[in-house]
Amino acid sequence: MSRLAEYMRYLANLLGEKEHVHFVRIEKGSTTLVQQIDLESVPKVRARVNAVGVTGREGPEDVSRAFKAIDR
């Protein structure tokens, strides 16, 4: 459970907008987290995630760090 909590913390950091991104549930099967993003925050979250790029080295440092931790 502690590993899952750590993963969720990294995901929250990656997505940002902590007041507008909500944990909904874990899907059955392997660990698939489902979150809901308030409509007004979707553009900000999308831009934040897209800023990381495919290498995980672009964008803000906190976003890049969270991406790399999740990818590991």
PDB file of N, CA and C in Angstrom:
ATOM      1  N   MET A   1       0.818  -1.198   0.000  1.00  0.00           N
ATOM      2  CA  MET A   1       0.000   0.000   0.000  1.00  0.00           C
ATOM      3  C   MET A   1       0.860   1.260   0.000  1.00  0.00           C
ATOM      4  N   SER A   2       2.006   1.196   0.652  1.00  0.00           N
ATOM      5  CA  SER A   2       2.853   2.390   0.683  1.00  0.00           C
ATOM      6  C   SER A   2       3.371   2.719  -0.712  1.00  0.00           C
ATOM      7  N   ARG A   3       3.658   1.696  -1.512  1.00  0.00           N
ATOM      8  CA  ARG A   3       4.115   1.922  -2.892  1.00  0.00           C
ATOM      9  C   ARG A   3       3.007   2.576  -3.717  1.00  0.00           C
ATOM     10  N   LEU A   4       1.768   2.140  -3.519  1.00  0.00           N
ATOM     11  CA  LEU A   4       0.634   2.734  -4.216  1.00  0.00           C
ATOM     12  C   LEU A   4       0.471   4.200  -3.806  1.00  0.00           C
ATOM     13  N   ALA A   5       0.605   4.488  -2.526  1.00  0.00           N
ATOM     14  CA  ALA A   5       0.497   5.865  -2.047  1.00  0.00           C
ATOM     15  C   ALA A   5       1.590   6.741  -2.663  1.00  0.00           C
ATOM     16  N   GLU A   6       2.783   6.199  -2.772  1.00  0.00           N
ATOM     17  CA  GLU A   6       3.893   6.931  -3.380  1.00  0.00           C
ATOM     18  C   GLU A   6       3.592   7.213  -4.857  1.00  0.00           C
ATOM     19  N   TYR A   7       3.093   6.216  -5.550  1.00  0.00           N
ATOM     20  CA  TYR A   7       2.726   6.358  -6.961  1.00  0.00           C
ATOM     21  C   TYR A   7       1.651   7.437  -7.121  1.00  0.00           C
ATOM     22  N   MET A   8       0.650   7.417  -6.236  1.00  0.00           N
ATOM     23  CA  MET A   8      -0.427   8.402  -6.308  1.00  0.00           C
ATOM     24  C   MET A   8       0.109   9.818  -6.048  1.00  0.00           C
ATOM     25  N   ARG A   9       1.081   9.941  -5.163  1.00  0.00           N
ATOM     26  CA  ARG A   9       1.679  11.246  -4.876  1.00  0.00           C
ATOM     27  C   ARG A   9       2.393  11.778  -6.119  1.00  0.00           C
ATOM     28  N   TYR A  10       3.149  10.911  -6.791  1.00  0.00           N
ATOM     29  CA  TYR A  10       3.828  11.322  -8.022  1.00  0.00           C
ATOM     30  C   TYR A  10       2.814  11.709  -9.102  1.00  0.00           C
ATOM     31  N   LEU A  11       1.745  10.946  -9.209  1.00  0.00           N
ATOM     32  CA  LEU A  11       0.714  11.249 -10.198  1.00  0.00           C
ATOM     33  C   LEU A  11       0.069  12.603  -9.898  1.00  0.00           C
ATOM     34  N   ALA A  12      -0.207  12.879  -8.638  1.00  0.00           N
ATOM     35  CA  ALA A  12      -0.774  14.175  -8.254  1.00  0.00           C
ATOM     36  C   ALA A  12       0.183  15.303  -8.616  1.00  0.00           C
ATOM     37  N   ASN A  13       1.473  15.101  -8.392  1.00  0.00           N
ATOM     38  CA  ASN A  13       2.459  16.117  -8.758  1.00  0.00           C
ATOM     39  C   ASN A  13       2.528  16.301 -10.269  1.00  0.00           C
ATOM     40  N   LEU A  14       2.443  15.211 -11.001  1.00  0.00           N
ATOM     41  CA  LEU A  14       2.483  15.287 -12.459  1.00  0.00           C
ATOM     42  C   LEU A  14       1.293  16.075 -12.994  1.00  0.00           C
ATOM     43  N   LEU A  15       0.105  15.778 -12.496  1.00  0.00           N
ATOM     44  CA  LEU A  15      -1.103  16.413 -13.012  1.00  0.00           C
ATOM     45  C   LEU A  15      -1.269  17.842 -12.526  1.00  0.00           C
ATOM     46  N   GLY A  16      -0.760  18.153 -11.321  1.00  0.00           N
ATOM     47  CA  GLY A  16      -0.933  19.498 -10.783  1.00  0.00           C
ATOM     48  C   GLY A  16      -2.391  19.769 -10.451  1.00  0.00           C
ATOM     49  N   GLU A  17      -2.757  21.045 -10.364  1.00  0.00           N
ATOM     50  CA  GLU A  17      -4.158  21.436 -10.113  1.00  0.00           C
ATOM     51  C   GLU A  17      -4.777  20.606  -8.986  1.00  0.00           C
ATOM     52  N   LYS A  18      -4.102  20.509  -7.867  1.00  0.00           N
ATOM     53  CA  LYS A  18      -4.491  19.591  -6.793  1.00  0.00           C
ATOM     54  C   LYS A  18      -5.897  19.822  -6.248  1.00  0.00           C
ATOM     55  N   GLU A  19      -6.402  21.018  -6.368  1.00  0.00           N
ATOM     56  CA  GLU A  19      -7.765  21.291  -5.901  1.00  0.00           C
ATOM     57  C   GLU A  19      -8.826  20.846  -6.912  1.00  0.00           C
ATOM     58  N   HIS A  20      -8.384  20.508  -8.133  1.00  0.00           N
ATOM     59  CA  HIS A  20      -9.337  20.222  -9.206  1.00  0.00           C
ATOM     60  C   HIS A  20      -9.166  18.850  -9.842  1.00  0.00           C
ATOM     61  N   VAL A  21      -8.255  18.047  -9.330  1.00  0.00           N
ATOM     62  CA  VAL A  21      -8.073  16.675  -9.814  1.00  0.00           C
ATOM     63  C   VAL A  21      -8.425  15.751  -8.653  1.00  0.00           C
ATOM     64  N   HIS A  22      -9.335  14.826  -8.887  1.00  0.00           N
ATOM     65  CA  HIS A  22      -9.891  14.011  -7.814  1.00  0.00           C
ATOM     66  C   HIS A  22      -9.702  12.519  -8.085  1.00  0.00           C
ATOM     67  N   PHE A  23      -9.258  11.801  -7.082  1.00  0.00           N
ATOM     68  CA  PHE A  23      -9.176  10.337  -7.166  1.00  0.00           C
ATOM     69  C   PHE A  23     -10.592   9.801  -7.167  1.00  0.00           C
ATOM     70  N   VAL A  24     -10.896   8.911  -8.088  1.00  0.00           N
ATOM     71  CA  VAL A  24     -12.237   8.340  -8.193  1.00  0.00           C
ATOM     72  C   VAL A  24     -12.244   6.903  -7.693  1.00  0.00           C
ATOM     73  N   ARG A  25     -11.343   6.078  -8.254  1.00  0.00           N
ATOM     74  CA  ARG A  25     -11.335   4.655  -7.867  1.00  0.00           C
ATOM     75  C   ARG A  25     -10.110   3.979  -8.463  1.00  0.00           C
ATOM     76  N   ILE A  26      -9.909   2.746  -8.079  1.00  0.00           N
ATOM     77  CA  ILE A  26      -8.910   1.879  -8.696  1.00  0.00           C
ATOM     78  C   ILE A  26      -9.681   0.840  -9.478  1.00  0.00           C
ATOM     79  N   GLU A  27      -9.364   0.700 -10.743  1.00  0.00           N
ATOM     80  CA  GLU A  27     -10.039  -0.276 -11.593  1.00  0.00           C
ATOM     81  C   GLU A  27      -9.647  -1.697 -11.189  1.00  0.00           C
ATOM     82  N   LYS A  28     -10.535  -2.619 -11.436  1.00  0.00           N
ATOM     83  CA  LYS A  28     -10.284  -4.026 -11.162  1.00  0.00           C
ATOM     84  C   LYS A  28      -9.138  -4.525 -12.033  1.00  0.00           C
ATOM     85  N   GLY A  29      -8.363  -5.433 -11.508  1.00  0.00           N
ATOM     86  CA  GLY A  29      -7.222  -5.974 -12.248  1.00  0.00           C
ATOM     87  C   GLY A  29      -5.949  -5.316 -11.765  1.00  0.00           C
ATOM     88  N   SER A  30      -5.042  -5.044 -12.679  1.00  0.00           N
ATOM     89  CA  SER A  30      -3.795  -4.382 -12.292  1.00  0.00           C
ATOM     90  C   SER A  30      -4.113  -2.949 -11.855  1.00  0.00           C
ATOM     91  N   THR A  31      -3.177  -2.332 -11.232  1.00  0.00           N
ATOM     92  CA  THR A  31      -3.430  -1.021 -10.651  1.00  0.00           C
ATOM     93  C   THR A  31      -3.645   0.026 -11.736  1.00  0.00           C
ATOM     94  N   THR A  32      -4.894   0.371 -11.945  1.00  0.00           N
ATOM     95  CA  THR A  32      -5.273   1.422 -12.873  1.00  0.00           C
ATOM     96  C   THR A  32      -6.030   2.470 -12.090  1.00  0.00           C
ATOM     97  N   LEU A  33      -5.385   3.600 -11.858  1.00  0.00           N
ATOM     98  CA  LEU A  33      -6.015   4.666 -11.099  1.00  0.00           C
ATOM     99  C   LEU A  33      -6.904   5.483 -12.014  1.00  0.00           C
ATOM    100  N   VAL A  34      -8.077   5.825 -11.516  1.00  0.00           N
ATOM    101  CA  VAL A  34      -9.014   6.646 -12.276  1.00  0.00           C
ATOM    102  C   VAL A  34      -9.160   7.965 -11.538  1.00  0.00           C
ATOM    103  N   GLN A  35      -8.947   9.054 -12.264  1.00  0.00           N
ATOM    104  CA  GLN A  35      -9.133  10.349 -11.663  1.00  0.00           C
ATOM    105  C   GLN A  35     -10.093  11.170 -12.504  1.00  0.00           C
ATOM    106  N   GLN A  36     -10.650  12.191 -11.895  1.00  0.00           N
ATOM    107  CA  GLN A  36     -11.561  13.095 -12.582  1.00  0.00           C
ATOM    108  C   GLN A  36     -10.987  14.499 -12.454  1.00  0.00           C
ATOM    109  N   ILE A  37     -10.951  15.209 -13.551  1.00  0.00           N
ATOM    110  CA  ILE A  37     -10.409  16.566 -13.564  1.00  0.00           C
ATOM    111  C   ILE A  37     -11.559  17.531 -13.799  1.00  0.00           C
ATOM    112  N   ASP A  38     -11.674  18.524 -12.916  1.00  0.00           N
ATOM    113  CA  ASP A  38     -12.704  19.535 -13.105  1.00  0.00           C
ATOM    114  C   ASP A  38     -12.505  20.194 -14.457  1.00  0.00           C
ATOM    115  N   LEU A  39     -13.597  20.426 -15.167  1.00  0.00           N
ATOM    116  CA  LEU A  39     -13.566  20.902 -16.543  1.00  0.00           C
ATOM    117  C   LEU A  39     -12.685  22.133 -16.728  1.00  0.00           C
ATOM    118  N   GLU A  40     -12.751  23.088 -15.815  1.00  0.00           N
ATOM    119  CA  GLU A  40     -11.979  24.322 -15.987  1.00  0.00           C
ATOM    120  C   GLU A  40     -10.474  24.100 -15.871  1.00  0.00           C
ATOM    121  N   SER A  41     -10.053  22.962 -15.306  1.00  0.00           N
ATOM    122  CA  SER A  41      -8.628  22.683 -15.132  1.00  0.00           C
ATOM    123  C   SER A  41      -8.059  21.758 -16.196  1.00  0.00           C
ATOM    124  N   VAL A  42      -8.879  21.211 -17.054  1.00  0.00           N
ATOM    125  CA  VAL A  42      -8.412  20.282 -18.087  1.00  0.00           C
ATOM    126  C   VAL A  42      -7.313  20.897 -18.964  1.00  0.00           C
ATOM    127  N   PRO A  43      -7.464  22.127 -19.459  1.00  0.00           N
ATOM    128  CA  PRO A  43      -6.390  22.692 -20.296  1.00  0.00           C
ATOM    129  C   PRO A  43      -5.061  22.822 -19.546  1.00  0.00           C
ATOM    130  N   LYS A  44      -5.103  23.206 -18.281  1.00  0.00           N
ATOM    131  CA  LYS A  44      -3.876  23.361 -17.497  1.00  0.00           C
ATOM    132  C   LYS A  44      -3.206  22.017 -17.264  1.00  0.00           C
ATOM    133  N   VAL A  45      -3.992  20.996 -16.921  1.00  0.00           N
ATOM    134  CA  VAL A  45      -3.447  19.659 -16.681  1.00  0.00           C
ATOM    135  C   VAL A  45      -2.874  19.101 -17.980  1.00  0.00           C
ATOM    136  N   ARG A  46      -3.600  19.256 -19.073  1.00  0.00           N
ATOM    137  CA  ARG A  46      -3.131  18.752 -20.372  1.00  0.00           C
ATOM    138  C   ARG A  46      -1.800  19.412 -20.750  1.00  0.00           C
ATOM    139  N   ALA A  47      -1.714  20.724 -20.595  1.00  0.00           N
ATOM    140  CA  ALA A  47      -0.481  21.438 -20.926  1.00  0.00           C
ATOM    141  C   ALA A  47       0.670  20.977 -20.045  1.00  0.00           C
ATOM    142  N   ARG A  48       0.392  20.747 -18.776  1.00  0.00           N
ATOM    143  CA  ARG A  48       1.423  20.306 -17.832  1.00  0.00           C
ATOM    144  C   ARG A  48       1.966  18.937 -18.221  1.00  0.00           C
ATOM    145  N   VAL A  49       1.082  18.008 -18.533  1.00  0.00           N
ATOM    146  CA  VAL A  49       1.494  16.652 -18.910  1.00  0.00           C
ATOM    147  C   VAL A  49       2.203  16.669 -20.264  1.00  0.00           C
ATOM    148  N   ASN A  50       1.681  17.424 -21.212  1.00  0.00           N
ATOM    149  CA  ASN A  50       2.309  17.502 -22.538  1.00  0.00           C
ATOM    150  C   ASN A  50       3.676  18.163 -22.491  1.00  0.00           C
ATOM    151  N   ALA A  51       3.911  19.016 -21.505  1.00  0.00           N
ATOM    152  CA  ALA A  51       5.196  19.710 -21.390  1.00  0.00           C
ATOM    153  C   ALA A  51       6.347  18.751 -21.114  1.00  0.00           C
ATOM    154  N   VAL A  52       6.042  17.587 -20.563  1.00  0.00           N
ATOM    155  CA  VAL A  52       7.085  16.612 -20.239  1.00  0.00           C
ATOM    156  C   VAL A  52       7.717  16.048 -21.503  1.00  0.00           C
ATOM    157  N   GLY A  53       6.933  15.895 -22.546  1.00  0.00           N
ATOM    158  CA  GLY A  53       7.463  15.331 -23.788  1.00  0.00           C
ATOM    159  C   GLY A  53       7.705  13.838 -23.658  1.00  0.00           C
ATOM    160  N   VAL A  54       8.131  13.225 -24.712  1.00  0.00           N
ATOM    161  CA  VAL A  54       8.308  11.772 -24.738  1.00  0.00           C
ATOM    162  C   VAL A  54       9.538  11.316 -23.965  1.00  0.00           C
ATOM    163  N   THR A  55      10.500  12.199 -23.792  1.00  0.00           N
ATOM    164  CA  THR A  55      11.729  11.803 -23.090  1.00  0.00           C
ATOM    165  C   THR A  55      11.598  11.959 -21.584  1.00  0.00           C
ATOM    166  N   GLY A  56      10.631  12.765 -21.135  1.00  0.00           N
ATOM    167  CA  GLY A  56      10.497  13.027 -19.706  1.00  0.00           C
ATOM    168  C   GLY A  56      11.488  14.063 -19.212  1.00  0.00           C
ATOM    169  N   ARG A  57      12.187  14.710 -20.125  1.00  0.00           N
ATOM    170  CA  ARG A  57      13.234  15.669 -19.738  1.00  0.00           C
ATOM    171  C   ARG A  57      12.834  17.115 -19.988  1.00  0.00           C
ATOM    172  N   GLU A  58      11.717  17.319 -20.640  1.00  0.00           N
ATOM    173  CA  GLU A  58      11.288  18.676 -20.935  1.00  0.00           C
ATOM    174  C   GLU A  58      10.301  19.145 -19.874  1.00  0.00           C
ATOM    175  N   GLY A  59       9.940  20.409 -19.921  1.00  0.00           N
ATOM    176  CA  GLY A  59       8.938  20.948 -19.017  1.00  0.00           C
ATOM    177  C   GLY A  59       9.509  21.306 -17.658  1.00  0.00           C
ATOM    178  N   PRO A  60       8.639  21.749 -16.762  1.00  0.00           N
ATOM    179  CA  PRO A  60       9.064  22.135 -15.420  1.00  0.00           C
ATOM    180  C   PRO A  60       9.728  20.973 -14.680  1.00  0.00           C
ATOM    181  N   GLU A  61      10.689  21.283 -13.836  1.00  0.00           N
ATOM    182  CA  GLU A  61      11.450  20.254 -13.118  1.00  0.00           C
ATOM    183  C   GLU A  61      10.561  19.335 -12.284  1.00  0.00           C
ATOM    184  N   ASP A  62       9.557  19.896 -11.575  1.00  0.00           N
ATOM    185  CA  ASP A  62       8.704  19.057 -10.726  1.00  0.00           C
ATOM    186  C   ASP A  62       7.879  18.080 -11.551  1.00  0.00           C
ATOM    187  N   VAL A  63       7.463  18.509 -12.734  1.00  0.00           N
ATOM    188  CA  VAL A  63       6.694  17.631 -13.627  1.00  0.00           C
ATOM    189  C   VAL A  63       7.601  16.541 -14.172  1.00  0.00           C
ATOM    190  N   SER A  64       8.787  16.909 -14.593  1.00  0.00           N
ATOM    191  CA  SER A  64       9.745  15.944 -15.118  1.00  0.00           C
ATOM    192  C   SER A  64      10.127  14.911 -14.061  1.00  0.00           C
ATOM    193  N   ARG A  65      10.348  15.374 -12.842  1.00  0.00           N
ATOM    194  CA  ARG A  65      10.719  14.473 -11.744  1.00  0.00           C
ATOM    195  C   ARG A  65       9.591  13.457 -11.468  1.00  0.00           C
ATOM    196  N   ALA A  66       8.350  13.953 -11.442  1.00  0.00           N
ATOM    197  CA  ALA A  66       7.209  13.060 -11.201  1.00  0.00           C
ATOM    198  C   ALA A  66       7.064  12.050 -12.340  1.00  0.00           C
ATOM    199  N   PHE A  67       7.217  12.497 -13.570  1.00  0.00           N
ATOM    200  CA  PHE A  67       7.111  11.616 -14.728  1.00  0.00           C
ATOM    201  C   PHE A  67       8.153  10.498 -14.644  1.00  0.00           C
ATOM    202  N   LYS A  68       9.394  10.870 -14.361  1.00  0.00           N
ATOM    203  CA  LYS A  68      10.467   9.879 -14.286  1.00  0.00           C
ATOM    204  C   LYS A  68      10.213   8.871 -13.179  1.00  0.00           C
ATOM    205  N   ALA A  69       9.715   9.326 -12.031  1.00  0.00           N
ATOM    206  CA  ALA A  69       9.435   8.424 -10.919  1.00  0.00           C
ATOM    207  C   ALA A  69       8.328   7.434 -11.279  1.00  0.00           C
ATOM    208  N   ILE A  70       7.293   7.905 -11.953  1.00  0.00           N
ATOM    209  CA  ILE A  70       6.205   7.013 -12.382  1.00  0.00           C
ATOM    210  C   ILE A  70       6.719   6.025 -13.420  1.00  0.00           C
ATOM    211  N   ASP A  71       7.523   6.516 -14.344  1.00  0.00           N
ATOM    212  CA  ASP A  71       8.033   5.670 -15.419  1.00  0.00           C
ATOM    213  C   ASP A  71       8.937   4.555 -14.888  1.00  0.00           C
ATOM    214  N   ARG A  72       9.653   4.843 -13.781  1.00  0.00           N
ATOM    215  CA  ARG A  72      10.513   3.817 -13.170  1.00  0.00           C
ATOM    216  C   ARG A  72       9.652   2.698 -12.646  1.00  0.00           C
TER     217      ARG A  72
END
